[in-house]
Amino acid sequence: MSKELERLRTQTRRYFLQSGPLSLGAIAMSHLFGGFARGAQEVRAIENPLAPRKPPLAAKAKRVIYLHMAGGPSQLELFDYKPELQKYDGKACPQHLLEGKRFAFIKDVPLLLGGKHDFQRRGESGCWISNLLPHTAALADELAVIRSVHTDQFNHAPAQLLMHTGNQRLGYASMGSWITYGLGTENENLPGFIVLVSGDKTPDAGKSVWGAGYLPSVYQGVQCRSEGDPVLYVSNPAGINRDRRRLTLDAIRDLNMLQHEQSGDPDTLSRIGQYELAFRMQTAVPEVMDIAKEPAAVLEAYGAEPGKVSFANNCLLARRLVEAGVRYVQLFDWGWDHHGVSENTDLFLDLPKKAASVDRPSAALLADLKQRGMLDDTLVVWGGEFGRTPMRENRGGKYGAYIGRDHHPFGFTIWMAGGGVKRGLNYGATDDIGYYITEKPVTPHDLQATILRLLGFDPFRLSYPFQGLDQRLIGPTSEPKVIEELIA
């Protein structure tokens, strides 16, 4: 028996799996990462996975602020004026609108439900906006209002996942992660993708809506808080100063590099990058998250109160974050699920309160970005995961005293502003009662493709190899459209 064969026989199984260019571990890595596990992606991770990069195409937007109204705001009370629906208020919903449809809660034959709030045409664009949003209405000529968005998901979690990750199932990369993967960030001391939550609840889909999925974890969203430490555990533990923290991280980095040399796992490099970013964030994050440093007039414009958790504070923080170089800021505001079956969900009693809580800060954000010369290259998006039905819920029993609308995926409204979007644009339409789309339908993938194009990407080519497919935000096989009419 040769010495070489004897040596191989005495190797441990673990060593065999870890060593050699043709070992099982190397073969698996090559398969998972499309044959270049130690190629361009590893080089990027070694240099700086969040280093700023130029997009492949001419870009109109450099950064994104996405304002998500979790629960599904009623387009019929806010943006989609339907006087015909009012004429049918209280009458039975036509059977053809119910046949073959699935609803979250509606049973039997519900009654149509007219709106109770006044609408007016606003600005030179003549955009119909409800009196529930007076501050937003004053900036109507800055908005591109899309009234023809539709989805195939009628429950919150899958609809939120589809809107933000391009897939209704868990495990896919969020839009903020894709954009940070493609563009990096302009501030090496801050994450490229930051999330802020208000409304006393996280989205139904949980933190998966800002997860990195199959992308390296360094690109996932980092949730920041309005009170206490902005990021959990960003402060040093008791008895540990910054110098000692640095020595600890140096030792961890050296151990991780040894592990990487043995396994070749690119996630090890991502882990090193995350430790280093966390160390730099210790000084940068508290500074940028301190809205108390803003002038009193700015705080008043937003309705912000330092130290509190609110959508107003988060809008002001969003402006501070993008001004500091953060690439993608995601705001989730819970409380828009107006079924009318419990406290704070009555459509006509509670929706006005909710609308007032976001109207002023949303408008202040646009005005603030504009006066700072940032709106032209900052894309702002406002909307939910679906809309609300033109009929009231029909649950009966103890719920009869409440008034609300069920989930409606067949047509709802989203607006966009800045970042290369046409100003004062009214796009798409629904029928006389707001049930079906009649003009220019838009899917979540269409929205995602358009956002990527505004940022300088070909949405069909921005991809990442995973499980034998070139994964894309818009789906590996779908063919959505870039909404060219939306682009200035």
Protein backbone atom coordinates (compact mmCIF):
# COMPACT_ATOMS: atom_id res chain seq x y z
CA MET A 1 0.00 0.00 0.00
CA SER A 2 1.43 3.39 -0.99
CA LYS A 3 2.21 6.05 1.58
CA GLU A 4 -0.27 8.40 -0.13
CA LEU A 5 -3.12 5.88 0.19
CA GLU A 6 -2.22 5.22 3.80
CA ARG A 7 -2.32 8.96 4.48
CA LEU A 8 -5.76 9.27 2.92
CA ARG A 9 -7.08 6.38 5.00
CA THR A 10 -6.00 8.04 8.21
CA GLN A 11 -7.60 11.39 7.46
CA THR A 12 -10.74 12.19 9.40
CA ARG A 13 -13.99 12.53 7.52
CA ARG A 14 -14.27 16.16 8.54
CA TYR A 15 -10.82 16.94 7.13
CA PHE A 16 -11.67 15.14 3.90
CA LEU A 17 -14.87 17.15 3.45
CA GLN A 18 -13.10 20.44 4.12
CA SER A 19 -9.95 19.91 2.08
CA GLY A 20 -9.08 19.65 -1.57
CA PRO A 21 -10.47 21.40 -4.64
CA LEU A 22 -12.52 18.29 -5.54
CA SER A 23 -13.83 17.53 -2.04
CA LEU A 24 -17.57 17.16 -1.47
CA GLY A 25 -17.63 20.53 0.30
CA ALA A 26 -16.00 22.29 -2.65
CA ILE A 27 -18.31 20.56 -5.11
CA ALA A 28 -21.37 21.62 -3.09
CA MET A 29 -20.15 25.20 -2.85
CA SER A 30 -19.50 25.30 -6.56
CA HIS A 31 -23.02 24.08 -7.25
CA LEU A 32 -24.72 26.44 -4.83
CA PHE A 33 -22.91 29.50 -6.08
CA GLY A 34 -23.00 28.75 -9.77
CA GLY A 35 -19.38 27.67 -10.04
CA PHE A 36 -17.83 30.86 -8.75
CA ALA A 37 -18.09 30.59 -4.98
CA ARG A 38 -14.57 31.97 -4.69
CA GLY A 39 -14.97 34.43 -7.56
CA ALA A 40 -16.35 37.93 -7.90
CA GLN A 41 -18.66 37.72 -4.89
CA GLU A 42 -15.80 36.71 -2.61
CA VAL A 43 -13.60 39.52 -3.94
CA ARG A 44 -16.42 41.96 -3.21
CA ALA A 45 -16.78 40.60 0.35
CA ILE A 46 -13.05 40.84 1.03
CA GLU A 47 -12.82 44.42 -0.20
CA ASN A 48 -16.06 45.81 1.28
CA PRO A 49 -19.47 44.29 0.53
CA LEU A 50 -21.17 47.66 1.11
CA ALA A 51 -18.76 49.80 -0.92
CA PRO A 52 -20.66 52.26 -3.18
CA ARG A 53 -21.00 51.05 -6.76
CA LYS A 54 -22.28 52.64 -9.94
CA PRO A 55 -25.33 51.05 -11.56
CA PRO A 56 -24.92 49.63 -15.06
CA LEU A 57 -27.41 52.07 -16.63
CA ALA A 58 -28.10 55.78 -16.29
CA ALA A 59 -29.93 56.32 -13.00
CA LYS A 60 -32.48 58.94 -12.03
CA ALA A 61 -32.65 57.92 -8.35
CA LYS A 62 -29.80 57.28 -5.92
CA ARG A 63 -31.78 56.15 -2.89
CA VAL A 64 -35.26 55.03 -1.80
CA ILE A 65 -37.62 55.74 1.10
CA TYR A 66 -40.51 53.29 1.11
CA LEU A 67 -43.49 54.16 3.34
CA HIS A 68 -45.56 51.00 3.82
CA MET A 69 -49.00 51.29 5.42
CA ALA A 70 -49.27 47.76 6.83
CA GLY A 71 -52.77 46.32 6.78
CA GLY A 72 -54.01 47.82 3.51
CA PRO A 73 -55.26 51.45 3.47
CA SER A 74 -58.66 52.04 1.90
CA GLN A 75 -58.14 53.59 -1.52
CA LEU A 76 -61.87 54.39 -1.60
CA GLU A 77 -61.53 56.75 1.36
CA LEU A 78 -58.21 58.30 0.32
CA PHE A 79 -57.39 58.37 -3.42
CA ASP A 80 -59.97 56.56 -5.58
CA TYR A 81 -63.05 58.79 -5.76
CA LYS A 82 -66.21 56.80 -6.56
CA PRO A 83 -69.41 58.88 -6.39
CA GLU A 84 -71.31 56.05 -8.13
CA LEU A 85 -70.55 53.74 -5.22
CA GLN A 86 -72.30 56.16 -2.89
CA LYS A 87 -75.52 55.74 -4.89
CA TYR A 88 -75.51 52.00 -4.18
CA ASP A 89 -74.68 52.30 -0.49
CA GLY A 90 -76.58 49.67 1.52
CA LYS A 91 -77.65 47.61 -1.50
CA ALA A 92 -76.69 43.97 -1.99
CA CYS A 93 -73.46 43.37 -3.85
CA PRO A 94 -74.11 41.96 -7.36
CA GLN A 95 -73.58 38.21 -7.45
CA HIS A 96 -71.15 38.32 -10.39
CA LEU A 97 -68.68 40.25 -8.21
CA LEU A 98 -68.67 37.42 -5.68
CA GLU A 99 -68.69 34.26 -7.79
CA GLY A 100 -65.36 32.48 -7.87
CA LYS A 101 -63.74 35.03 -5.56
CA ARG A 102 -61.96 34.34 -2.29
CA PHE A 103 -62.14 36.87 0.53
CA ALA A 104 -60.48 36.92 3.91
CA PHE A 105 -63.72 37.29 5.89
CA ILE A 106 -66.77 38.13 3.74
CA LYS A 107 -69.54 35.55 3.80
CA ASP A 108 -72.89 35.28 2.01
CA VAL A 109 -74.00 38.46 0.20
CA PRO A 110 -72.48 41.67 1.62
CA LEU A 111 -73.87 45.18 1.23
CA LEU A 112 -72.10 47.77 -0.88
CA LEU A 113 -70.52 50.53 1.16
CA GLY A 114 -70.23 54.10 -0.09
CA GLY A 115 -67.58 56.47 1.15
CA LYS A 116 -68.33 59.13 3.76
CA HIS A 117 -65.54 61.60 3.05
CA ASP A 118 -65.31 64.45 0.57
CA PHE A 119 -62.88 64.46 -2.33
CA GLN A 120 -61.53 67.39 -4.32
CA ARG A 121 -59.39 67.80 -7.41
CA ARG A 122 -55.99 69.02 -6.27
CA GLY A 123 -53.31 71.10 -7.98
CA GLU A 124 -52.77 71.54 -11.70
CA SER A 125 -52.84 67.77 -12.13
CA GLY A 126 -56.47 67.62 -10.98
CA CYS A 127 -55.65 64.62 -8.79
CA TRP A 128 -58.60 63.41 -6.69
CA ILE A 129 -57.50 63.27 -3.05
CA SER A 130 -59.69 62.94 0.04
CA ASN A 131 -60.05 65.64 2.67
CA LEU A 132 -58.52 63.10 5.08
CA LEU A 133 -55.11 63.94 3.56
CA PRO A 134 -54.95 67.75 3.34
CA HIS A 135 -51.14 68.00 3.64
CA THR A 136 -50.57 65.36 0.98
CA ALA A 137 -53.20 67.04 -1.20
CA ALA A 138 -51.26 70.31 -1.07
CA LEU A 139 -48.36 68.49 -2.78
CA ALA A 140 -50.50 66.72 -5.39
CA ASP A 141 -48.39 68.07 -8.24
CA GLU A 142 -45.33 66.29 -6.83
CA LEU A 143 -47.03 62.88 -6.92
CA ALA A 144 -47.48 60.11 -9.44
CA VAL A 145 -50.68 58.41 -8.22
CA ILE A 146 -51.15 54.84 -9.48
CA ARG A 147 -54.75 53.68 -9.00
CA SER A 148 -54.44 50.37 -10.83
CA VAL A 149 -52.19 48.19 -8.68
CA HIS A 150 -53.37 44.61 -8.22
CA THR A 151 -52.04 41.46 -6.58
CA ASP A 152 -52.96 37.78 -6.40
CA GLN A 153 -52.57 37.68 -2.59
CA PHE A 154 -55.43 38.59 -0.24
CA ASN A 155 -53.85 37.80 3.16
CA HIS A 156 -51.42 40.18 4.84
CA ALA A 157 -48.23 38.15 5.21
CA PRO A 158 -47.99 36.72 1.67
CA ALA A 159 -49.13 40.03 0.16
CA GLN A 160 -46.45 41.94 2.09
CA LEU A 161 -43.81 39.39 1.07
CA LEU A 162 -44.82 39.66 -2.59
CA MET A 163 -44.68 43.45 -2.46
CA HIS A 164 -41.25 43.58 -0.85
CA THR A 165 -39.46 40.38 -1.89
CA GLY A 166 -41.15 39.54 -5.19
CA ASN A 167 -42.45 36.23 -3.84
CA GLN A 168 -45.29 35.35 -1.49
CA ARG A 169 -43.23 32.66 0.24
CA LEU A 170 -40.58 33.05 2.93
CA GLY A 171 -36.88 32.92 2.14
CA TYR A 172 -36.56 35.47 -0.65
CA ALA A 173 -34.46 38.63 -0.67
CA SER A 174 -36.20 41.93 0.01
CA MET A 175 -36.07 44.88 -2.36
CA GLY A 176 -33.88 46.87 0.04
CA SER A 177 -31.41 43.98 0.13
CA TRP A 178 -31.33 43.74 -3.67
CA ILE A 179 -30.73 47.45 -4.04
CA THR A 180 -28.01 47.50 -1.38
CA TYR A 181 -26.42 44.44 -3.02
CA GLY A 182 -26.38 46.29 -6.33
CA LEU A 183 -25.40 49.78 -5.17
CA GLY A 184 -23.74 49.45 -1.76
CA THR A 185 -24.04 52.44 0.54
CA GLU A 186 -22.60 55.94 0.57
CA ASN A 187 -21.65 55.85 4.27
CA GLU A 188 -19.35 53.05 5.42
CA ASN A 189 -20.31 53.69 9.05
CA LEU A 190 -24.01 52.97 8.55
CA PRO A 191 -25.95 50.01 7.15
CA GLY A 192 -27.05 50.37 3.55
CA PHE A 193 -30.61 49.31 4.43
CA ILE A 194 -32.40 50.53 7.56
CA VAL A 195 -35.93 49.73 8.80
CA LEU A 196 -38.15 51.80 11.11
CA VAL A 197 -41.44 50.50 12.54
CA SER A 198 -44.42 52.33 14.07
CA GLY A 199 -47.99 51.43 14.99
CA ASP A 200 -47.10 49.16 17.94
CA LYS A 201 -46.74 46.09 15.74
CA THR A 202 -44.37 44.66 13.14
CA PRO A 203 -45.82 43.60 9.77
CA ASP A 204 -47.65 40.26 9.60
CA ALA A 205 -44.82 38.81 7.52
CA GLY A 206 -42.39 39.66 10.31
CA LYS A 207 -38.79 40.59 9.68
CA SER A 208 -38.73 38.50 6.51
CA VAL A 209 -39.94 41.57 4.60
CA TRP A 210 -36.55 43.14 5.20
CA GLY A 211 -34.50 39.94 5.15
CA ALA A 212 -31.69 39.15 2.71
CA GLY A 213 -32.98 35.66 1.85
CA TYR A 214 -30.38 33.90 -0.30
CA LEU A 215 -28.24 37.05 -0.64
CA PRO A 216 -25.29 37.42 1.78
CA SER A 217 -26.66 38.44 5.17
CA VAL A 218 -24.71 41.71 5.19
CA TYR A 219 -27.41 43.08 2.85
CA GLN A 220 -30.38 42.47 5.14
CA GLY A 221 -32.23 45.39 6.68
CA VAL A 222 -31.18 46.64 10.11
CA GLN A 223 -34.10 47.63 12.33
CA CYS A 224 -33.53 50.81 14.31
CA ARG A 225 -35.60 52.03 17.24
CA SER A 226 -36.79 55.49 18.24
CA GLU A 227 -36.12 55.00 21.95
CA GLY A 228 -33.30 53.36 23.90
CA ASP A 229 -30.35 52.08 21.90
CA PRO A 230 -31.18 52.77 18.22
CA VAL A 231 -29.94 49.24 17.44
CA LEU A 232 -30.16 46.46 20.00
CA TYR A 233 -26.79 45.70 21.64
CA VAL A 234 -25.00 48.48 19.74
CA SER A 235 -23.61 49.77 23.05
CA ASN A 236 -20.64 48.07 24.69
CA PRO A 237 -21.45 45.65 27.53
CA ALA A 238 -20.84 46.86 31.06
CA GLY A 239 -17.13 46.97 31.84
CA ILE A 240 -16.05 46.89 28.16
CA ASN A 241 -14.64 50.08 26.65
CA ARG A 242 -14.14 50.78 22.94
CA ASP A 243 -10.45 49.79 22.91
CA ARG A 244 -11.19 46.42 24.49
CA ARG A 245 -14.06 45.91 22.05
CA ARG A 246 -11.62 46.56 19.21
CA LEU A 247 -9.18 43.94 20.52
CA THR A 248 -12.00 41.41 20.84
CA LEU A 249 -13.14 42.02 17.26
CA ASP A 250 -9.58 41.69 15.98
CA ALA A 251 -9.30 38.27 17.59
CA ILE A 252 -12.69 37.19 16.20
CA ARG A 253 -11.68 38.43 12.75
CA ASP A 254 -8.48 36.37 12.81
CA LEU A 255 -10.40 33.25 13.81
CA ASN A 256 -12.97 33.82 11.08
CA MET A 257 -10.23 34.28 8.47
CA LEU A 258 -8.69 30.95 9.52
CA GLN A 259 -12.11 29.34 9.14
CA HIS A 260 -12.56 30.94 5.72
CA GLU A 261 -9.19 29.67 4.51
CA GLN A 262 -10.32 26.14 5.39
CA SER A 263 -13.92 26.20 4.16
CA GLY A 264 -14.07 28.93 1.53
CA ASP A 265 -17.54 29.87 2.80
CA PRO A 266 -18.35 33.46 1.66
CA ASP A 267 -20.75 33.84 4.60
CA THR A 268 -17.67 33.90 6.83
CA LEU A 269 -16.52 37.05 5.05
CA SER A 270 -20.00 38.54 5.44
CA ARG A 271 -19.77 37.84 9.16
CA ILE A 272 -16.44 39.68 9.37
CA GLY A 273 -17.96 42.63 7.51
CA GLN A 274 -20.95 42.73 9.86
CA TYR A 275 -18.76 42.78 12.97
CA GLU A 276 -16.73 45.64 11.53
CA LEU A 277 -19.84 47.58 10.52
CA ALA A 278 -21.35 47.10 13.98
CA PHE A 279 -18.20 48.55 15.53
CA ARG A 280 -18.36 51.64 13.32
CA MET A 281 -22.10 51.99 13.95
CA GLN A 282 -21.50 52.51 17.66
CA THR A 283 -20.64 56.14 17.05
CA ALA A 284 -22.42 56.83 13.76
CA VAL A 285 -25.91 55.48 14.55
CA PRO A 286 -26.62 57.39 17.79
CA GLU A 287 -25.52 60.60 16.06
CA VAL A 288 -27.80 60.27 13.01
CA MET A 289 -30.75 58.95 15.05
CA ASP A 290 -30.85 61.92 17.43
CA ILE A 291 -33.69 64.05 16.03
CA ALA A 292 -33.52 66.35 19.08
CA LYS A 293 -30.74 68.16 17.21
CA GLU A 294 -33.20 69.27 14.53
CA PRO A 295 -34.48 72.88 14.63
CA ALA A 296 -37.83 73.39 16.32
CA ALA A 297 -39.40 74.45 13.01
CA VAL A 298 -38.46 71.12 11.41
CA LEU A 299 -39.83 69.11 14.33
CA GLU A 300 -43.04 71.12 14.10
CA ALA A 301 -43.35 70.54 10.35
CA TYR A 302 -43.21 66.77 10.80
CA GLY A 303 -45.14 66.69 14.07
CA ALA A 304 -42.15 64.87 15.54
CA GLU A 305 -41.47 64.48 19.27
CA PRO A 306 -37.97 63.28 20.21
CA GLY A 307 -37.93 60.14 22.33
CA LYS A 308 -41.27 58.80 21.15
CA VAL A 309 -42.13 56.00 18.73
CA SER A 310 -44.19 57.45 15.89
CA PHE A 311 -44.50 57.56 12.14
CA ALA A 312 -43.70 61.29 12.30
CA ASN A 313 -40.39 60.63 14.07
CA ASN A 314 -39.60 57.87 11.58
CA CYS A 315 -40.21 60.14 8.58
CA LEU A 316 -37.79 62.68 10.00
CA LEU A 317 -35.30 59.92 10.72
CA ALA A 318 -35.68 58.69 7.14
CA ARG A 319 -34.62 62.10 5.84
CA ARG A 320 -31.64 62.18 8.22
CA LEU A 321 -30.61 58.65 7.20
CA VAL A 322 -30.68 59.22 3.45
CA GLU A 323 -28.93 62.54 3.96
CA ALA A 324 -26.20 60.60 5.79
CA GLY A 325 -25.80 58.21 2.86
CA VAL A 326 -28.11 55.27 3.65
CA ARG A 327 -29.26 53.72 0.39
CA TYR A 328 -32.68 52.29 1.31
CA VAL A 329 -34.94 53.26 4.23
CA GLN A 330 -38.08 51.23 4.85
CA LEU A 331 -40.87 52.50 7.12
CA PHE A 332 -43.64 50.14 8.24
CA ASP A 333 -46.66 51.70 9.92
CA TRP A 334 -49.15 49.19 11.31
CA GLY A 335 -52.85 49.94 11.87
CA TRP A 336 -54.49 50.10 8.42
CA ASP A 337 -56.53 46.90 8.61
CA HIS A 338 -59.94 48.55 8.93
CA HIS A 339 -62.31 45.59 9.11
CA GLY A 340 -64.51 47.32 11.66
CA VAL A 341 -64.74 44.34 14.00
CA SER A 342 -62.76 45.54 16.99
CA GLU A 343 -61.40 48.64 18.66
CA ASN A 344 -59.46 51.02 16.37
CA THR A 345 -60.62 49.26 13.17
CA ASP A 346 -63.86 51.14 12.44
CA LEU A 347 -63.53 52.56 8.94
CA PHE A 348 -65.31 55.84 9.58
CA LEU A 349 -64.26 56.43 13.19
CA ASP A 350 -60.66 55.23 13.18
CA LEU A 351 -59.39 55.66 9.60
CA PRO A 352 -59.48 59.49 9.90
CA LYS A 353 -57.22 59.28 12.97
CA LYS A 354 -54.80 56.96 11.19
CA ALA A 355 -54.76 59.10 8.07
CA ALA A 356 -54.01 62.21 10.14
CA SER A 357 -51.07 60.45 11.81
CA VAL A 358 -49.29 59.86 8.47
CA ASP A 359 -50.54 62.75 6.30
CA ARG A 360 -48.55 65.56 7.84
CA PRO A 361 -45.21 63.72 8.21
CA SER A 362 -45.43 62.17 4.71
CA ALA A 363 -45.95 65.60 3.17
CA ALA A 364 -43.28 67.13 5.40
CA LEU A 365 -40.81 64.49 4.21
CA LEU A 366 -41.41 65.41 0.55
CA ALA A 367 -41.20 69.13 1.28
CA ASP A 368 -38.04 68.71 3.38
CA LEU A 369 -36.29 66.63 0.72
CA LYS A 370 -37.27 69.14 -1.94
CA GLN A 371 -35.98 72.20 -0.11
CA ARG A 372 -32.69 70.38 0.54
CA GLY A 373 -32.33 69.58 -3.16
CA MET A 374 -32.65 65.82 -2.51
CA LEU A 375 -36.09 64.96 -3.88
CA ASP A 376 -34.94 64.80 -7.49
CA ASP A 377 -32.73 61.79 -6.77
CA THR A 378 -34.60 60.29 -3.79
CA LEU A 379 -37.50 58.02 -4.69
CA VAL A 380 -40.37 58.03 -2.16
CA VAL A 381 -43.06 55.32 -2.35
CA TRP A 382 -46.30 55.23 -0.30
CA GLY A 383 -48.82 52.38 -0.16
CA GLY A 384 -49.95 49.08 1.35
CA GLU A 385 -50.01 45.41 0.37
CA PHE A 386 -53.57 45.60 -1.05
CA GLY A 387 -56.68 47.78 -0.82
CA ARG A 388 -60.18 47.46 0.64
CA THR A 389 -63.42 46.12 -0.84
CA PRO A 390 -66.25 48.36 -2.08
CA MET A 391 -68.62 46.34 0.11
CA ARG A 392 -68.77 46.08 3.87
CA GLU A 393 -67.93 42.93 5.71
CA ASN A 394 -70.78 40.56 6.39
CA ARG A 395 -69.74 38.73 9.52
CA GLY A 396 -72.97 39.38 11.40
CA GLY A 397 -73.52 38.81 15.11
CA LYS A 398 -71.64 41.06 17.49
CA TYR A 399 -69.80 42.65 14.56
CA GLY A 400 -72.89 44.25 13.12
CA ALA A 401 -72.30 47.55 14.94
CA TYR A 402 -68.94 48.10 13.28
CA ILE A 403 -68.30 49.31 9.75
CA GLY A 404 -65.31 48.17 7.75
CA ARG A 405 -64.05 46.75 4.48
CA ASP A 406 -62.38 43.43 3.72
CA HIS A 407 -59.05 42.90 1.91
CA HIS A 408 -59.23 43.80 -1.79
CA PRO A 409 -56.41 42.61 -4.09
CA PHE A 410 -58.13 43.49 -7.41
CA GLY A 411 -57.35 47.21 -7.48
CA PHE A 412 -55.68 49.63 -5.07
CA THR A 413 -53.60 52.81 -4.98
CA ILE A 414 -49.91 53.59 -4.47
CA TRP A 415 -48.17 56.90 -4.98
CA MET A 416 -44.56 57.68 -5.85
CA ALA A 417 -42.63 60.95 -5.86
CA GLY A 418 -39.15 62.24 -6.65
CA GLY A 419 -36.35 60.04 -7.95
CA GLY A 420 -37.08 60.53 -11.65
CA VAL A 421 -40.86 59.96 -11.42
CA LYS A 422 -43.17 62.23 -13.42
CA ARG A 423 -44.74 64.93 -11.31
CA GLY A 424 -48.53 65.36 -11.19
CA LEU A 425 -49.27 62.08 -12.95
CA ASN A 426 -52.57 60.18 -12.66
CA TYR A 427 -51.98 56.62 -13.84
CA GLY A 428 -54.50 53.81 -14.23
CA ALA A 429 -58.14 53.59 -13.17
CA THR A 430 -60.75 51.29 -11.66
CA ASP A 431 -64.45 50.86 -12.52
CA ASP A 432 -67.31 52.96 -11.15
CA ILE A 433 -67.37 51.21 -7.77
CA GLY A 434 -63.61 50.60 -7.45
CA TYR A 435 -63.78 46.83 -7.86
CA TYR A 436 -61.86 46.01 -11.06
CA ILE A 437 -59.08 47.79 -12.94
CA THR A 438 -60.18 49.33 -16.23
CA GLU A 439 -56.95 51.02 -17.36
CA LYS A 440 -53.23 50.21 -17.19
CA PRO A 441 -52.98 47.39 -14.62
CA VAL A 442 -49.82 47.30 -12.49
CA THR A 443 -48.47 44.28 -10.60
CA PRO A 444 -46.00 44.27 -7.67
CA HIS A 445 -43.35 42.97 -10.10
CA ASP A 446 -44.09 45.92 -12.42
CA LEU A 447 -43.51 48.30 -9.52
CA GLN A 448 -40.29 46.53 -8.56
CA ALA A 449 -39.02 46.54 -12.13
CA THR A 450 -39.76 50.27 -12.42
CA ILE A 451 -38.01 51.08 -9.13
CA LEU A 452 -34.93 49.11 -10.21
CA ARG A 453 -34.91 50.90 -13.57
CA LEU A 454 -35.07 54.30 -11.86
CA LEU A 455 -32.00 53.26 -9.86
CA GLY A 456 -30.08 52.37 -13.01
CA PHE A 457 -30.62 48.60 -13.22
CA ASP A 458 -31.96 46.35 -15.91
CA PRO A 459 -34.45 44.44 -13.70
CA PHE A 460 -34.14 41.39 -15.95
CA ARG A 461 -30.37 41.16 -15.50
CA LEU A 462 -29.93 41.98 -11.81
CA SER A 463 -29.69 38.43 -10.49
CA TYR A 464 -28.04 36.07 -8.01
CA PRO A 465 -27.42 32.33 -8.55
CA PHE A 466 -29.30 30.15 -6.04
CA GLN A 467 -30.65 26.60 -6.25
CA GLY A 468 -29.87 26.32 -9.93
CA LEU A 469 -31.68 29.52 -10.95
CA ASP A 470 -30.63 33.09 -11.54
CA GLN A 471 -32.87 34.58 -8.87
CA ARG A 472 -34.29 38.07 -9.44
CA LEU A 473 -36.38 40.47 -7.40
CA ILE A 474 -39.01 40.30 -10.15
CA GLY A 475 -38.97 36.48 -10.06
CA PRO A 476 -36.72 34.10 -12.01
CA THR A 477 -39.19 33.48 -14.84
CA SER A 478 -41.77 36.30 -14.82
CA GLU A 479 -41.69 39.05 -17.43
CA PRO A 480 -43.08 42.22 -15.81
CA LYS A 481 -42.99 45.60 -17.48
CA VAL A 482 -41.11 48.76 -16.58
CA ILE A 483 -43.78 51.48 -16.42
CA GLU A 484 -42.15 53.88 -18.87
CA GLU A 485 -45.00 56.41 -18.58
CA LEU A 486 -44.07 56.85 -14.94
CA ILE A 487 -40.49 57.91 -15.68
CA ALA A 488 -39.77 61.59 -16.28
